[in-house]
């Protein structure tokens, strides 16, 4: 599996996440997929940060939200992938 595979079905992941945990979806829906190495998916929020002004939304992305996203990824792709944010 490579980053192109993840990108091709990313909307399925987000749709599932929205149904199961809308708060987690809000935390990750605007993430940019950067890289996939050794089953670690790196996400960037650079675009979201440009629009957020002085607000630091990174603190709103809790471990429980990350776990919900990882669970949705496993359900869609059938593999465990860890989320790394930058």
PDB file of N, CA and C in Angstrom:
ATOM      1  N   UNK A   1       0.843  -1.171   0.000  1.00  0.00           N
ATOM      2  CA  UNK A   1       0.000   0.000   0.000  1.00  0.00           C
ATOM      3  C   UNK A   1       0.891   1.238   0.000  1.00  0.00           C
ATOM      4  N   UNK A   2       0.470   2.224  -0.795  1.00  0.00           N
ATOM      5  CA  UNK A   2       1.230   3.468  -0.837  1.00  0.00           C
ATOM      6  C   UNK A   2       0.280   4.653  -0.645  1.00  0.00           C
ATOM      7  N   UNK A   3       0.837   5.842  -0.675  1.00  0.00           N
ATOM      8  CA  UNK A   3       0.051   7.042  -0.413  1.00  0.00           C
ATOM      9  C   UNK A   3      -1.068   7.212  -1.442  1.00  0.00           C
ATOM     10  N   UNK A   4      -0.821   6.843  -2.678  1.00  0.00           N
ATOM     11  CA  UNK A   4      -1.861   6.944  -3.709  1.00  0.00           C
ATOM     12  C   UNK A   4      -3.056   6.056  -3.371  1.00  0.00           C
ATOM     13  N   UNK A   5      -2.795   4.874  -2.817  1.00  0.00           N
ATOM     14  CA  UNK A   5      -3.887   3.988  -2.397  1.00  0.00           C
ATOM     15  C   UNK A   5      -4.712   4.639  -1.293  1.00  0.00           C
ATOM     16  N   UNK A   6      -4.028   5.255  -0.344  1.00  0.00           N
ATOM     17  CA  UNK A   6      -4.721   5.933   0.754  1.00  0.00           C
ATOM     18  C   UNK A   6      -5.566   7.081   0.201  1.00  0.00           C
ATOM     19  N   UNK A   7      -4.971   7.882  -0.655  1.00  0.00           N
ATOM     20  CA  UNK A   7      -5.692   9.030  -1.223  1.00  0.00           C
ATOM     21  C   UNK A   7      -6.925   8.597  -2.006  1.00  0.00           C
ATOM     22  N   UNK A   8      -6.830   7.475  -2.705  1.00  0.00           N
ATOM     23  CA  UNK A   8      -7.930   7.047  -3.571  1.00  0.00           C
ATOM     24  C   UNK A   8      -9.203   6.722  -2.795  1.00  0.00           C
ATOM     25  N   UNK A   9      -9.067   6.374  -1.523  1.00  0.00           N
ATOM     26  CA  UNK A   9     -10.246   6.022  -0.723  1.00  0.00           C
ATOM     27  C   UNK A   9     -10.365   6.873   0.546  1.00  0.00           C
ATOM     28  N   UNK A  10      -9.639   7.982   0.594  1.00  0.00           N
ATOM     29  CA  UNK A  10      -9.623   8.812   1.793  1.00  0.00           C
ATOM     30  C   UNK A  10     -11.020   9.329   2.146  1.00  0.00           C
ATOM     31  N   UNK A  11     -11.816   9.666   1.130  1.00  0.00           N
ATOM     32  CA  UNK A  11     -13.170  10.147   1.417  1.00  0.00           C
ATOM     33  C   UNK A  11     -14.013   9.080   2.099  1.00  0.00           C
ATOM     34  N   UNK A  12     -13.778   7.807   1.781  1.00  0.00           N
ATOM     35  CA  UNK A  12     -14.480   6.724   2.476  1.00  0.00           C
ATOM     36  C   UNK A  12     -14.112   6.721   3.959  1.00  0.00           C
ATOM     37  N   UNK A  13     -12.838   6.931   4.236  1.00  0.00           N
ATOM     38  CA  UNK A  13     -12.373   6.988   5.628  1.00  0.00           C
ATOM     39  C   UNK A  13     -13.063   8.142   6.349  1.00  0.00           C
ATOM     40  N   UNK A  14     -13.072   9.313   5.719  1.00  0.00           N
ATOM     41  CA  UNK A  14     -13.686  10.481   6.351  1.00  0.00           C
ATOM     42  C   UNK A  14     -15.190  10.301   6.532  1.00  0.00           C
ATOM     43  N   UNK A  15     -15.856   9.694   5.556  1.00  0.00           N
ATOM     44  CA  UNK A  15     -17.296   9.449   5.682  1.00  0.00           C
ATOM     45  C   UNK A  15     -17.591   8.511   6.846  1.00  0.00           C
ATOM     46  N   UNK A  16     -16.800   7.458   6.970  1.00  0.00           N
ATOM     47  CA  UNK A  16     -16.967   6.518   8.080  1.00  0.00           C
ATOM     48  C   UNK A  16     -16.693   7.213   9.411  1.00  0.00           C
ATOM     49  N   UNK A  17     -15.628   7.990   9.458  1.00  0.00           N
ATOM     50  CA  UNK A  17     -15.282   8.707  10.683  1.00  0.00           C
ATOM     51  C   UNK A  17     -16.396   9.675  11.074  1.00  0.00           C
ATOM     52  N   UNK A  18     -16.965  10.355  10.101  1.00  0.00           N
ATOM     53  CA  UNK A  18     -18.051  11.297  10.394  1.00  0.00           C
ATOM     54  C   UNK A  18     -19.259  10.575  10.993  1.00  0.00           C
ATOM     55  N   UNK A  19     -19.579   9.401  10.465  1.00  0.00           N
ATOM     56  CA  UNK A  19     -20.711   8.631  10.998  1.00  0.00           C
ATOM     57  C   UNK A  19     -20.446   8.131  12.413  1.00  0.00           C
ATOM     58  N   UNK A  20     -19.200   7.756  12.689  1.00  0.00           N
ATOM     59  CA  UNK A  20     -18.883   7.129  13.969  1.00  0.00           C
ATOM     60  C   UNK A  20     -18.450   8.117  15.052  1.00  0.00           C
ATOM     61  N   UNK A  21     -17.825   9.220  14.651  1.00  0.00           N
ATOM     62  CA  UNK A  21     -17.313  10.166  15.645  1.00  0.00           C
ATOM     63  C   UNK A  21     -17.151  11.531  14.972  1.00  0.00           C
ATOM     64  N   UNK A  22     -18.207  12.296  15.003  1.00  0.00           N
ATOM     65  CA  UNK A  22     -18.200  13.580  14.289  1.00  0.00           C
ATOM     66  C   UNK A  22     -17.140  14.543  14.825  1.00  0.00           C
ATOM     67  N   UNK A  23     -16.864  14.495  16.104  1.00  0.00           N
ATOM     68  CA  UNK A  23     -15.838  15.376  16.670  1.00  0.00           C
ATOM     69  C   UNK A  23     -14.466  15.006  16.105  1.00  0.00           C
ATOM     70  N   UNK A  24     -14.180  13.713  16.008  1.00  0.00           N
ATOM     71  CA  UNK A  24     -12.913  13.277  15.404  1.00  0.00           C
ATOM     72  C   UNK A  24     -12.857  13.700  13.940  1.00  0.00           C
ATOM     73  N   UNK A  25     -13.980  13.590  13.249  1.00  0.00           N
ATOM     74  CA  UNK A  25     -14.030  14.018  11.851  1.00  0.00           C
ATOM     75  C   UNK A  25     -13.682  15.502  11.742  1.00  0.00           C
ATOM     76  N   UNK A  26     -14.254  16.315  12.631  1.00  0.00           N
ATOM     77  CA  UNK A  26     -13.948  17.745  12.618  1.00  0.00           C
ATOM     78  C   UNK A  26     -12.465  18.008  12.853  1.00  0.00           C
ATOM     79  N   UNK A  27     -11.839  17.166  13.647  1.00  0.00           N
ATOM     80  CA  UNK A  27     -10.419  17.343  13.956  1.00  0.00           C
ATOM     81  C   UNK A  27      -9.519  17.000  12.772  1.00  0.00           C
ATOM     82  N   UNK A  28      -9.997  16.132  11.863  1.00  0.00           N
ATOM     83  CA  UNK A  28      -9.112  15.628  10.811  1.00  0.00           C
ATOM     84  C   UNK A  28      -9.594  15.846   9.376  1.00  0.00           C
ATOM     85  N   UNK A  29     -10.797  16.363   9.166  1.00  0.00           N
ATOM     86  CA  UNK A  29     -11.321  16.423   7.804  1.00  0.00           C
ATOM     87  C   UNK A  29     -10.498  17.303   6.877  1.00  0.00           C
ATOM     88  N   UNK A  30      -9.784  18.276   7.417  1.00  0.00           N
ATOM     89  CA  UNK A  30      -9.017  19.191   6.567  1.00  0.00           C
ATOM     90  C   UNK A  30      -7.519  18.874   6.535  1.00  0.00           C
ATOM     91  N   UNK A  31      -7.175  17.682   6.960  1.00  0.00           N
ATOM     92  CA  UNK A  31      -5.760  17.282   6.948  1.00  0.00           C
ATOM     93  C   UNK A  31      -5.287  17.024   5.523  1.00  0.00           C
ATOM     94  N   UNK A  32      -4.040  17.339   5.286  1.00  0.00           N
ATOM     95  CA  UNK A  32      -3.398  17.023   4.011  1.00  0.00           C
ATOM     96  C   UNK A  32      -2.553  15.770   4.217  1.00  0.00           C
ATOM     97  N   UNK A  33      -2.742  14.779   3.355  1.00  0.00           N
ATOM     98  CA  UNK A  33      -1.958  13.549   3.431  1.00  0.00           C
ATOM     99  C   UNK A  33      -0.578  13.828   2.850  1.00  0.00           C
ATOM    100  N   UNK A  34       0.456  13.652   3.667  1.00  0.00           N
ATOM    101  CA  UNK A  34       1.811  14.029   3.272  1.00  0.00           C
ATOM    102  C   UNK A  34       2.619  12.824   2.815  1.00  0.00           C
ATOM    103  N   UNK A  35       2.663  11.775   3.645  1.00  0.00           N
ATOM    104  CA  UNK A  35       3.488  10.612   3.303  1.00  0.00           C
ATOM    105  C   UNK A  35       2.991   9.385   4.048  1.00  0.00           C
ATOM    106  N   UNK A  36       3.371   8.229   3.517  1.00  0.00           N
ATOM    107  CA  UNK A  36       3.092   6.954   4.163  1.00  0.00           C
ATOM    108  C   UNK A  36       4.382   6.149   4.143  1.00  0.00           C
ATOM    109  N   UNK A  37       4.931   5.911   5.328  1.00  0.00           N
ATOM    110  CA  UNK A  37       6.165   5.137   5.467  1.00  0.00           C
ATOM    111  C   UNK A  37       6.027   4.197   6.650  1.00  0.00           C
ATOM    112  N   UNK A  38       6.342   2.916   6.423  1.00  0.00           N
ATOM    113  CA  UNK A  38       6.301   1.922   7.505  1.00  0.00           C
ATOM    114  C   UNK A  38       4.979   1.953   8.267  1.00  0.00           C
ATOM    115  N   UNK A  39       3.880   2.021   7.518  1.00  0.00           N
ATOM    116  CA  UNK A  39       2.530   2.052   8.105  1.00  0.00           C
ATOM    117  C   UNK A  39       2.308   3.233   9.043  1.00  0.00           C
ATOM    118  N   UNK A  40       3.008   4.328   8.788  1.00  0.00           N
ATOM    119  CA  UNK A  40       2.775   5.586   9.490  1.00  0.00           C
ATOM    120  C   UNK A  40       2.344   6.631   8.463  1.00  0.00           C
ATOM    121  N   UNK A  41       1.142   7.126   8.635  1.00  0.00           N
ATOM    122  CA  UNK A  41       0.597   8.131   7.737  1.00  0.00           C
ATOM    123  C   UNK A  41       0.811   9.507   8.356  1.00  0.00           C
ATOM    124  N   UNK A  42       1.564  10.329   7.658  1.00  0.00           N
ATOM    125  CA  UNK A  42       1.860  11.680   8.145  1.00  0.00           C
ATOM    126  C   UNK A  42       0.833  12.644   7.555  1.00  0.00           C
ATOM    127  N   UNK A  43       0.213  13.418   8.464  1.00  0.00           N
ATOM    128  CA  UNK A  43      -0.787  14.402   8.074  1.00  0.00           C
ATOM    129  C   UNK A  43      -0.282  15.804   8.394  1.00  0.00           C
ATOM    130  N   UNK A  44      -0.614  16.741   7.526  1.00  0.00           N
ATOM    131  CA  UNK A  44      -0.261  18.143   7.742  1.00  0.00           C
ATOM    132  C   UNK A  44      -1.544  18.965   7.822  1.00  0.00           C
ATOM    133  N   UNK A  45      -1.496  19.996   8.633  1.00  0.00           N
ATOM    134  CA  UNK A  45      -2.631  20.903   8.780  1.00  0.00           C
ATOM    135  C   UNK A  45      -2.233  22.319   8.388  1.00  0.00           C
ATOM    136  N   UNK A  46      -1.244  22.436   7.524  1.00  0.00           N
ATOM    137  CA  UNK A  46      -0.712  23.739   7.145  1.00  0.00           C
ATOM    138  C   UNK A  46      -1.792  24.633   6.535  1.00  0.00           C
ATOM    139  N   UNK A  47      -2.671  24.060   5.704  1.00  0.00           N
ATOM    140  CA  UNK A  47      -3.729  24.872   5.097  1.00  0.00           C
ATOM    141  C   UNK A  47      -4.713  25.352   6.154  1.00  0.00           C
ATOM    142  N   UNK A  48      -5.084  24.473   7.070  1.00  0.00           N
ATOM    143  CA  UNK A  48      -6.016  24.838   8.141  1.00  0.00           C
ATOM    144  C   UNK A  48      -5.403  25.902   9.044  1.00  0.00           C
ATOM    145  N   UNK A  49      -4.104  25.798   9.287  1.00  0.00           N
ATOM    146  CA  UNK A  49      -3.431  26.759  10.163  1.00  0.00           C
ATOM    147  C   UNK A  49      -3.405  28.152   9.551  1.00  0.00           C
ATOM    148  N   UNK A  50      -3.334  28.223   8.231  1.00  0.00           N
ATOM    149  CA  UNK A  50      -3.345  29.526   7.569  1.00  0.00           C
ATOM    150  C   UNK A  50      -4.651  30.262   7.831  1.00  0.00           C
ATOM    151  N   UNK A  51      -5.737  29.506   7.925  1.00  0.00           N
ATOM    152  CA  UNK A  51      -7.054  30.106   8.091  1.00  0.00           C
ATOM    153  C   UNK A  51      -7.465  30.283   9.547  1.00  0.00           C
ATOM    154  N   UNK A  52      -6.729  29.672  10.463  1.00  0.00           N
ATOM    155  CA  UNK A  52      -7.162  29.670  11.864  1.00  0.00           C
ATOM    156  C   UNK A  52      -6.746  30.918  12.635  1.00  0.00           C
ATOM    157  N   UNK A  53      -5.896  31.734  12.061  1.00  0.00           N
ATOM    158  CA  UNK A  53      -5.454  32.933  12.764  1.00  0.00           C
ATOM    159  C   UNK A  53      -4.667  32.570  14.003  1.00  0.00           C
ATOM    160  N   UNK A  54      -5.046  33.148  15.124  1.00  0.00           N
ATOM    161  CA  UNK A  54      -4.315  32.927  16.373  1.00  0.00           C
ATOM    162  C   UNK A  54      -4.759  31.669  17.115  1.00  0.00           C
ATOM    163  N   UNK A  55      -5.768  30.996  16.612  1.00  0.00           N
ATOM    164  CA  UNK A  55      -6.269  29.797  17.294  1.00  0.00           C
ATOM    165  C   UNK A  55      -5.339  28.620  17.054  1.00  0.00           C
ATOM    166  N   UNK A  56      -5.108  27.838  18.099  1.00  0.00           N
ATOM    167  CA  UNK A  56      -4.265  26.644  17.990  1.00  0.00           C
ATOM    168  C   UNK A  56      -5.160  25.413  18.061  1.00  0.00           C
ATOM    169  N   UNK A  57      -5.600  24.953  16.896  1.00  0.00           N
ATOM    170  CA  UNK A  57      -6.502  23.809  16.850  1.00  0.00           C
ATOM    171  C   UNK A  57      -5.779  22.488  17.066  1.00  0.00           C
ATOM    172  N   UNK A  58      -4.470  22.488  17.038  1.00  0.00           N
ATOM    173  CA  UNK A  58      -3.717  21.246  17.255  1.00  0.00           C
ATOM    174  C   UNK A  58      -4.058  20.640  18.607  1.00  0.00           C
ATOM    175  N   UNK A  59      -4.298  21.481  19.593  1.00  0.00           N
ATOM    176  CA  UNK A  59      -4.630  20.975  20.924  1.00  0.00           C
ATOM    177  C   UNK A  59      -5.994  20.294  20.947  1.00  0.00           C
ATOM    178  N   UNK A  60      -6.845  20.599  19.983  1.00  0.00           N
ATOM    179  CA  UNK A  60      -8.170  19.974  19.920  1.00  0.00           C
ATOM    180  C   UNK A  60      -8.101  18.552  19.373  1.00  0.00           C
ATOM    181  N   UNK A  61      -6.991  18.206  18.731  1.00  0.00           N
ATOM    182  CA  UNK A  61      -6.828  16.856  18.173  1.00  0.00           C
ATOM    183  C   UNK A  61      -6.306  15.935  19.267  1.00  0.00           C
ATOM    184  N   UNK A  62      -7.210  15.331  19.965  1.00  0.00           N
ATOM    185  CA  UNK A  62      -6.868  14.473  21.099  1.00  0.00           C
ATOM    186  C   UNK A  62      -6.500  13.070  20.633  1.00  0.00           C
ATOM    187  N   UNK A  63      -5.834  12.322  21.512  1.00  0.00           N
ATOM    188  CA  UNK A  63      -5.474  10.937  21.198  1.00  0.00           C
ATOM    189  C   UNK A  63      -6.701  10.115  20.843  1.00  0.00           C
ATOM    190  N   UNK A  64      -7.812  10.355  21.526  1.00  0.00           N
ATOM    191  CA  UNK A  64      -9.029   9.587  21.234  1.00  0.00           C
ATOM    192  C   UNK A  64      -9.514   9.849  19.813  1.00  0.00           C
ATOM    193  N   UNK A  65      -9.338  11.063  19.315  1.00  0.00           N
ATOM    194  CA  UNK A  65      -9.716  11.378  17.937  1.00  0.00           C
ATOM    195  C   UNK A  65      -8.780  10.678  16.957  1.00  0.00           C
ATOM    196  N   UNK A  66      -7.494  10.678  17.279  1.00  0.00           N
ATOM    197  CA  UNK A  66      -6.518   9.985  16.429  1.00  0.00           C
ATOM    198  C   UNK A  66      -6.831   8.494  16.379  1.00  0.00           C
ATOM    199  N   UNK A  67      -7.170   7.915  17.527  1.00  0.00           N
ATOM    200  CA  UNK A  67      -7.509   6.487  17.566  1.00  0.00           C
ATOM    201  C   UNK A  67      -8.757   6.205  16.733  1.00  0.00           C
ATOM    202  N   UNK A  68      -9.730   7.100  16.768  1.00  0.00           N
ATOM    203  CA  UNK A  68     -10.940   6.928  15.960  1.00  0.00           C
ATOM    204  C   UNK A  68     -10.595   6.954  14.475  1.00  0.00           C
ATOM    205  N   UNK A  69      -9.691   7.849  14.077  1.00  0.00           N
ATOM    206  CA  UNK A  69      -9.262   7.907  12.682  1.00  0.00           C
ATOM    207  C   UNK A  69      -8.512   6.637  12.302  1.00  0.00           C
ATOM    208  N   UNK A  70      -7.622   6.179  13.154  1.00  0.00           N
ATOM    209  CA  UNK A  70      -6.880   4.945  12.877  1.00  0.00           C
ATOM    210  C   UNK A  70      -7.831   3.759  12.749  1.00  0.00           C
ATOM    211  N   UNK A  71      -8.878   3.734  13.553  1.00  0.00           N
ATOM    212  CA  UNK A  71      -9.873   2.669  13.474  1.00  0.00           C
ATOM    213  C   UNK A  71     -10.627   2.725  12.149  1.00  0.00           C
ATOM    214  N   UNK A  72     -11.012   3.909  11.723  1.00  0.00           N
ATOM    215  CA  UNK A  72     -11.704   4.060  10.440  1.00  0.00           C
ATOM    216  C   UNK A  72     -10.807   3.622   9.288  1.00  0.00           C
ATOM    217  N   UNK A  73      -9.530   3.966   9.365  1.00  0.00           N
ATOM    218  CA  UNK A  73      -8.575   3.545   8.334  1.00  0.00           C
ATOM    219  C   UNK A  73      -8.495   2.029   8.285  1.00  0.00           C
ATOM    220  N   UNK A  74      -8.443   1.397   9.445  1.00  0.00           N
ATOM    221  CA  UNK A  74      -8.361  -0.067   9.485  1.00  0.00           C
ATOM    222  C   UNK A  74      -9.615  -0.699   8.893  1.00  0.00           C
ATOM    223  N   UNK A  75     -10.773  -0.116   9.164  1.00  0.00           N
ATOM    224  CA  UNK A  75     -12.016  -0.657   8.619  1.00  0.00           C
ATOM    225  C   UNK A  75     -12.065  -0.539   7.098  1.00  0.00           C
ATOM    226  N   UNK A  76     -11.569   0.554   6.561  1.00  0.00           N
ATOM    227  CA  UNK A  76     -11.621   0.776   5.113  1.00  0.00           C
ATOM    228  C   UNK A  76     -10.542  -0.010   4.383  1.00  0.00           C
ATOM    229  N   UNK A  77      -9.313  -0.003   4.903  1.00  0.00           N
ATOM    230  CA  UNK A  77      -8.185  -0.601   4.191  1.00  0.00           C
ATOM    231  C   UNK A  77      -7.805  -1.986   4.689  1.00  0.00           C
ATOM    232  N   UNK A  78      -8.242  -2.340   5.900  1.00  0.00           N
ATOM    233  CA  UNK A  78      -7.918  -3.657   6.440  1.00  0.00           C
ATOM    234  C   UNK A  78      -6.515  -3.780   6.996  1.00  0.00           C
ATOM    235  N   UNK A  79      -5.850  -2.659   7.207  1.00  0.00           N
ATOM    236  CA  UNK A  79      -4.504  -2.670   7.788  1.00  0.00           C
ATOM    237  C   UNK A  79      -4.420  -1.602   8.876  1.00  0.00           C
ATOM    238  N   UNK A  80      -3.535  -1.822   9.822  1.00  0.00           N
ATOM    239  CA  UNK A  80      -3.313  -0.845  10.887  1.00  0.00           C
ATOM    240  C   UNK A  80      -2.298   0.187  10.422  1.00  0.00           C
ATOM    241  N   UNK A  81      -2.687   1.437  10.516  1.00  0.00           N
ATOM    242  CA  UNK A  81      -1.814   2.543  10.131  1.00  0.00           C
ATOM    243  C   UNK A  81      -1.833   3.562  11.262  1.00  0.00           C
ATOM    244  N   UNK A  82      -0.658   3.956  11.707  1.00  0.00           N
ATOM    245  CA  UNK A  82      -0.535   4.962  12.762  1.00  0.00           C
ATOM    246  C   UNK A  82      -0.571   6.355  12.139  1.00  0.00           C
ATOM    247  N   UNK A  83      -1.195   7.281  12.829  1.00  0.00           N
ATOM    248  CA  UNK A  83      -1.291   8.663  12.370  1.00  0.00           C
ATOM    249  C   UNK A  83      -0.226   9.502  13.064  1.00  0.00           C
ATOM    250  N   UNK A  84       0.528  10.241  12.264  1.00  0.00           N
ATOM    251  CA  UNK A  84       1.530  11.188  12.752  1.00  0.00           C
ATOM    252  C   UNK A  84       1.105  12.560  12.239  1.00  0.00           C
ATOM    253  N   UNK A  85       0.994  13.536  13.131  1.00  0.00           N
ATOM    254  CA  UNK A  85       0.606  14.881  12.693  1.00  0.00           C
ATOM    255  C   UNK A  85       1.790  15.827  12.805  1.00  0.00           C
ATOM    256  N   UNK A  86       1.780  16.801  11.914  1.00  0.00           N
ATOM    257  CA  UNK A  86       2.840  17.819  11.954  1.00  0.00           C
ATOM    258  C   UNK A  86       2.229  19.189  11.929  1.00  0.00           C
TER     259      UNK A  86
END
